[in-house]
Amino acid sequence: MGVSPTSGAMPAQVKAAVVEVSGQAFMNGVHVAVLVTGVLCAVGAAVAAIGIRHRPVH
């Protein structure tokens, strides 16, 4: 899942842990971004619906 910040001097167990944790951190960031985007879309839809309802008809 991309390039993890590891070096050749790291022991194998530490390298595996860094790779695992960096992948989890990336996915956590993706999930937060999707959640924030979904909330903003829902808020925008609610504001649009309220704005359209309160608009006078000519």
PDB file of N, CA and C in Angstrom:
ATOM      1  N   MET A   1       0.837  -1.173   0.000  1.00  0.00           N
ATOM      2  CA  MET A   1       0.000   0.000   0.000  1.00  0.00           C
ATOM      3  C   MET A   1       0.884   1.239   0.000  1.00  0.00           C
ATOM      4  N   GLY A   2       1.720   1.373  -0.954  1.00  0.00           N
ATOM      5  CA  GLY A   2       2.558   2.562  -1.021  1.00  0.00           C
ATOM      6  C   GLY A   2       3.916   2.324  -0.408  1.00  0.00           C
ATOM      7  N   VAL A   3       4.603   3.417  -0.118  1.00  0.00           N
ATOM      8  CA  VAL A   3       5.950   3.351   0.417  1.00  0.00           C
ATOM      9  C   VAL A   3       5.899   3.685   1.902  1.00  0.00           C
ATOM     10  N   SER A   4       6.384   2.774   2.712  1.00  0.00           N
ATOM     11  CA  SER A   4       6.429   2.997   4.157  1.00  0.00           C
ATOM     12  C   SER A   4       7.814   3.513   4.530  1.00  0.00           C
ATOM     13  N   PRO A   5       7.903   4.325   5.580  1.00  0.00           N
ATOM     14  CA  PRO A   5       9.199   4.897   5.974  1.00  0.00           C
ATOM     15  C   PRO A   5      10.083   3.891   6.715  1.00  0.00           C
ATOM     16  N   THR A   6      10.677   2.978   5.972  1.00  0.00           N
ATOM     17  CA  THR A   6      11.556   1.981   6.580  1.00  0.00           C
ATOM     18  C   THR A   6      12.951   2.130   5.998  1.00  0.00           C
ATOM     19  N   SER A   7      13.913   1.595   6.721  1.00  0.00           N
ATOM     20  CA  SER A   7      15.294   1.604   6.234  1.00  0.00           C
ATOM     21  C   SER A   7      15.860   0.192   6.315  1.00  0.00           C
ATOM     22  N   GLY A   8      16.963   0.006   5.658  1.00  0.00           N
ATOM     23  CA  GLY A   8      17.601  -1.307   5.665  1.00  0.00           C
ATOM     24  C   GLY A   8      18.185  -1.677   7.018  1.00  0.00           C
ATOM     25  N   ALA A   9      18.433  -0.675   7.860  1.00  0.00           N
ATOM     26  CA  ALA A   9      19.032  -0.936   9.165  1.00  0.00           C
ATOM     27  C   ALA A   9      18.014  -1.411  10.196  1.00  0.00           C
ATOM     28  N   MET A  10      16.743  -1.339   9.888  1.00  0.00           N
ATOM     29  CA  MET A  10      15.695  -1.747  10.837  1.00  0.00           C
ATOM     30  C   MET A  10      15.616  -3.267  10.921  1.00  0.00           C
ATOM     31  N   PRO A  11      15.397  -3.788  12.130  1.00  0.00           N
ATOM     32  CA  PRO A  11      15.148  -5.234  12.246  1.00  0.00           C
ATOM     33  C   PRO A  11      13.841  -5.606  11.532  1.00  0.00           C
ATOM     34  N   ALA A  12      13.716  -6.843  11.166  1.00  0.00           N
ATOM     35  CA  ALA A  12      12.561  -7.301  10.387  1.00  0.00           C
ATOM     36  C   ALA A  12      11.242  -7.071  11.122  1.00  0.00           C
ATOM     37  N   GLN A  13      11.216  -7.320  12.439  1.00  0.00           N
ATOM     38  CA  GLN A  13       9.978  -7.133  13.190  1.00  0.00           C
ATOM     39  C   GLN A  13       9.570  -5.664  13.236  1.00  0.00           C
ATOM     40  N   VAL A  14      10.535  -4.777  13.422  1.00  0.00           N
ATOM     41  CA  VAL A  14      10.238  -3.347  13.458  1.00  0.00           C
ATOM     42  C   VAL A  14       9.765  -2.877  12.091  1.00  0.00           C
ATOM     43  N   LYS A  15      10.413  -3.358  11.049  1.00  0.00           N
ATOM     44  CA  LYS A  15      10.030  -2.989   9.688  1.00  0.00           C
ATOM     45  C   LYS A  15       8.607  -3.437   9.383  1.00  0.00           C
ATOM     46  N   ALA A  16       8.264  -4.655   9.789  1.00  0.00           N
ATOM     47  CA  ALA A  16       6.905  -5.162   9.568  1.00  0.00           C
ATOM     48  C   ALA A  16       5.888  -4.335  10.346  1.00  0.00           C
ATOM     49  N   ALA A  17       6.243  -3.944  11.567  1.00  0.00           N
ATOM     50  CA  ALA A  17       5.333  -3.124  12.379  1.00  0.00           C
ATOM     51  C   ALA A  17       5.128  -1.751  11.753  1.00  0.00           C
ATOM     52  N   VAL A  18       6.197  -1.142  11.259  1.00  0.00           N
ATOM     53  CA  VAL A  18       6.096   0.178  10.623  1.00  0.00           C
ATOM     54  C   VAL A  18       5.227   0.104   9.371  1.00  0.00           C
ATOM     55  N   VAL A  19       5.409  -0.936   8.581  1.00  0.00           N
ATOM     56  CA  VAL A  19       4.604  -1.104   7.367  1.00  0.00           C
ATOM     57  C   VAL A  19       3.132  -1.276   7.730  1.00  0.00           C
ATOM     58  N   GLU A  20       2.848  -2.089   8.725  1.00  0.00           N
ATOM     59  CA  GLU A  20       1.467  -2.337   9.149  1.00  0.00           C
ATOM     60  C   GLU A  20       0.821  -1.068   9.697  1.00  0.00           C
ATOM     61  N   VAL A  21       1.514  -0.378  10.576  1.00  0.00           N
ATOM     62  CA  VAL A  21       0.954   0.815  11.210  1.00  0.00           C
ATOM     63  C   VAL A  21       0.786   1.949  10.208  1.00  0.00           C
ATOM     64  N   SER A  22       1.710   2.098   9.296  1.00  0.00           N
ATOM     65  CA  SER A  22       1.565   3.176   8.312  1.00  0.00           C
ATOM     66  C   SER A  22       0.393   2.897   7.373  1.00  0.00           C
ATOM     67  N   GLY A  23       0.152   1.649   7.052  1.00  0.00           N
ATOM     68  CA  GLY A  23      -1.029   1.298   6.248  1.00  0.00           C
ATOM     69  C   GLY A  23      -2.318   1.576   6.991  1.00  0.00           C
ATOM     70  N   GLN A  24      -2.338   1.248   8.281  1.00  0.00           N
ATOM     71  CA  GLN A  24      -3.526   1.526   9.099  1.00  0.00           C
ATOM     72  C   GLN A  24      -3.754   3.025   9.240  1.00  0.00           C
ATOM     73  N   ALA A  25      -2.683   3.786   9.425  1.00  0.00           N
ATOM     74  CA  ALA A  25      -2.815   5.237   9.554  1.00  0.00           C
ATOM     75  C   ALA A  25      -3.358   5.844   8.258  1.00  0.00           C
ATOM     76  N   PHE A  26      -2.891   5.351   7.127  1.00  0.00           N
ATOM     77  CA  PHE A  26      -3.398   5.840   5.845  1.00  0.00           C
ATOM     78  C   PHE A  26      -4.892   5.562   5.705  1.00  0.00           C
ATOM     79  N   MET A  27      -5.295   4.346   6.027  1.00  0.00           N
ATOM     80  CA  MET A  27      -6.712   3.994   5.900  1.00  0.00           C
ATOM     81  C   MET A  27      -7.573   4.765   6.892  1.00  0.00           C
ATOM     82  N   ASN A  28      -7.063   5.027   8.093  1.00  0.00           N
ATOM     83  CA  ASN A  28      -7.797   5.852   9.041  1.00  0.00           C
ATOM     84  C   ASN A  28      -8.005   7.252   8.481  1.00  0.00           C
ATOM     85  N   GLY A  29      -6.986   7.795   7.845  1.00  0.00           N
ATOM     86  CA  GLY A  29      -7.106   9.111   7.219  1.00  0.00           C
ATOM     87  C   GLY A  29      -8.128   9.118   6.096  1.00  0.00           C
ATOM     88  N   VAL A  30      -8.150   8.058   5.305  1.00  0.00           N
ATOM     89  CA  VAL A  30      -9.138   7.952   4.227  1.00  0.00           C
ATOM     90  C   VAL A  30     -10.548   7.891   4.811  1.00  0.00           C
ATOM     91  N   HIS A  31     -10.730   7.119   5.868  1.00  0.00           N
ATOM     92  CA  HIS A  31     -12.048   7.004   6.484  1.00  0.00           C
ATOM     93  C   HIS A  31     -12.513   8.333   7.059  1.00  0.00           C
ATOM     94  N   VAL A  32     -11.613   9.066   7.691  1.00  0.00           N
ATOM     95  CA  VAL A  32     -11.974  10.381   8.232  1.00  0.00           C
ATOM     96  C   VAL A  32     -12.348  11.333   7.106  1.00  0.00           C
ATOM     97  N   ALA A  33     -11.597  11.314   6.022  1.00  0.00           N
ATOM     98  CA  ALA A  33     -11.901  12.184   4.890  1.00  0.00           C
ATOM     99  C   ALA A  33     -13.268  11.861   4.292  1.00  0.00           C
ATOM    100  N   VAL A  34     -13.588  10.587   4.166  1.00  0.00           N
ATOM    101  CA  VAL A  34     -14.890  10.180   3.632  1.00  0.00           C
ATOM    102  C   VAL A  34     -16.014  10.584   4.586  1.00  0.00           C
ATOM    103  N   LEU A  35     -15.797  10.414   5.877  1.00  0.00           N
ATOM    104  CA  LEU A  35     -16.804  10.792   6.866  1.00  0.00           C
ATOM    105  C   LEU A  35     -17.061  12.304   6.840  1.00  0.00           C
ATOM    106  N   VAL A  36     -16.005  13.099   6.816  1.00  0.00           N
ATOM    107  CA  VAL A  36     -16.149  14.554   6.768  1.00  0.00           C
ATOM    108  C   VAL A  36     -16.855  14.977   5.488  1.00  0.00           C
ATOM    109  N   THR A  37     -16.500  14.373   4.375  1.00  0.00           N
ATOM    110  CA  THR A  37     -17.145  14.697   3.104  1.00  0.00           C
ATOM    111  C   THR A  37     -18.628  14.354   3.145  1.00  0.00           C
ATOM    112  N   GLY A  38     -18.977  13.214   3.704  1.00  0.00           N
ATOM    113  CA  GLY A  38     -20.377  12.818   3.814  1.00  0.00           C
ATOM    114  C   GLY A  38     -21.178  13.768   4.684  1.00  0.00           C
ATOM    115  N   VAL A  39     -20.597  14.175   5.811  1.00  0.00           N
ATOM    116  CA  VAL A  39     -21.282  15.119   6.700  1.00  0.00           C
ATOM    117  C   VAL A  39     -21.479  16.464   5.993  1.00  0.00           C
ATOM    118  N   LEU A  40     -20.455  16.944   5.314  1.00  0.00           N
ATOM    119  CA  LEU A  40     -20.578  18.218   4.597  1.00  0.00           C
ATOM    120  C   LEU A  40     -21.626  18.137   3.489  1.00  0.00           C
ATOM    121  N   CYS A  41     -21.705  17.013   2.800  1.00  0.00           N
ATOM    122  CA  CYS A  41     -22.735  16.838   1.765  1.00  0.00           C
ATOM    123  C   CYS A  41     -24.131  16.845   2.381  1.00  0.00           C
ATOM    124  N   ALA A  42     -24.301  16.165   3.510  1.00  0.00           N
ATOM    125  CA  ALA A  42     -25.602  16.136   4.176  1.00  0.00           C
ATOM    126  C   ALA A  42     -26.002  17.529   4.663  1.00  0.00           C
ATOM    127  N   VAL A  43     -25.064  18.257   5.237  1.00  0.00           N
ATOM    128  CA  VAL A  43     -25.345  19.622   5.689  1.00  0.00           C
ATOM    129  C   VAL A  43     -25.695  20.513   4.501  1.00  0.00           C
ATOM    130  N   GLY A  44     -24.963  20.391   3.424  1.00  0.00           N
ATOM    131  CA  GLY A  44     -25.255  21.167   2.220  1.00  0.00           C
ATOM    132  C   GLY A  44     -26.624  20.846   1.655  1.00  0.00           C
ATOM    133  N   ALA A  45     -27.005  19.591   1.652  1.00  0.00           N
ATOM    134  CA  ALA A  45     -28.327  19.199   1.156  1.00  0.00           C
ATOM    135  C   ALA A  45     -29.429  19.763   2.046  1.00  0.00           C
ATOM    136  N   ALA A  46     -29.214  19.734   3.358  1.00  0.00           N
ATOM    137  CA  ALA A  46     -30.212  20.279   4.277  1.00  0.00           C
ATOM    138  C   ALA A  46     -30.355  21.789   4.101  1.00  0.00           C
ATOM    139  N   VAL A  47     -29.249  22.483   3.973  1.00  0.00           N
ATOM    140  CA  VAL A  47     -29.293  23.938   3.763  1.00  0.00           C
ATOM    141  C   VAL A  47     -29.979  24.259   2.438  1.00  0.00           C
ATOM    142  N   ALA A  48     -29.694  23.496   1.408  1.00  0.00           N
ATOM    143  CA  ALA A  48     -30.334  23.725   0.113  1.00  0.00           C
ATOM    144  C   ALA A  48     -31.836  23.474   0.196  1.00  0.00           C
ATOM    145  N   ALA A  49     -32.234  22.408   0.880  1.00  0.00           N
ATOM    146  CA  ALA A  49     -33.664  22.097   1.004  1.00  0.00           C
ATOM    147  C   ALA A  49     -34.389  23.185   1.788  1.00  0.00           C
ATOM    148  N   ILE A  50     -33.792  23.654   2.852  1.00  0.00           N
ATOM    149  CA  ILE A  50     -34.410  24.724   3.638  1.00  0.00           C
ATOM    150  C   ILE A  50     -34.465  26.021   2.832  1.00  0.00           C
ATOM    151  N   GLY A  51     -33.402  26.305   2.107  1.00  0.00           N
ATOM    152  CA  GLY A  51     -33.364  27.520   1.287  1.00  0.00           C
ATOM    153  C   GLY A  51     -34.372  27.501   0.177  1.00  0.00           C
ATOM    154  N   ILE A  52     -34.617  26.357  -0.436  1.00  0.00           N
ATOM    155  CA  ILE A  52     -35.581  26.262  -1.515  1.00  0.00           C
ATOM    156  C   ILE A  52     -37.005  26.385  -0.975  1.00  0.00           C
ATOM    157  N   ARG A  53     -37.265  25.823   0.192  1.00  0.00           N
ATOM    158  CA  ARG A  53     -38.616  25.893   0.783  1.00  0.00           C
ATOM    159  C   ARG A  53     -39.013  27.312   1.164  1.00  0.00           C
ATOM    160  N   HIS A  54     -38.084  28.094   1.645  1.00  0.00           N
ATOM    161  CA  HIS A  54     -38.392  29.427   2.127  1.00  0.00           C
ATOM    162  C   HIS A  54     -38.298  30.506   1.042  1.00  0.00           C
ATOM    163  N   ARG A  55     -38.099  30.107  -0.164  1.00  0.00           N
ATOM    164  CA  ARG A  55     -38.021  31.052  -1.257  1.00  0.00           C
ATOM    165  C   ARG A  55     -39.427  31.411  -1.726  1.00  0.00           C
ATOM    166  N   PRO A  56     -39.734  32.686  -1.841  1.00  0.00           N
ATOM    167  CA  PRO A  56     -41.092  33.052  -2.284  1.00  0.00           C
ATOM    168  C   PRO A  56     -41.307  32.672  -3.763  1.00  0.00           C
ATOM    169  N   VAL A  57     -42.511  32.265  -4.073  1.00  0.00           N
ATOM    170  CA  VAL A  57     -42.896  31.895  -5.438  1.00  0.00           C
ATOM    171  C   VAL A  57     -43.431  33.137  -6.127  1.00  0.00           C
ATOM    172  N   HIS A  58     -42.980  33.415  -7.331  1.00  0.00           N
ATOM    173  CA  HIS A  58     -43.426  34.612  -8.062  1.00  0.00           C
ATOM    174  C   HIS A  58     -44.516  34.246  -9.037  1.00  0.00           C
TER     175      HIS A  58
END
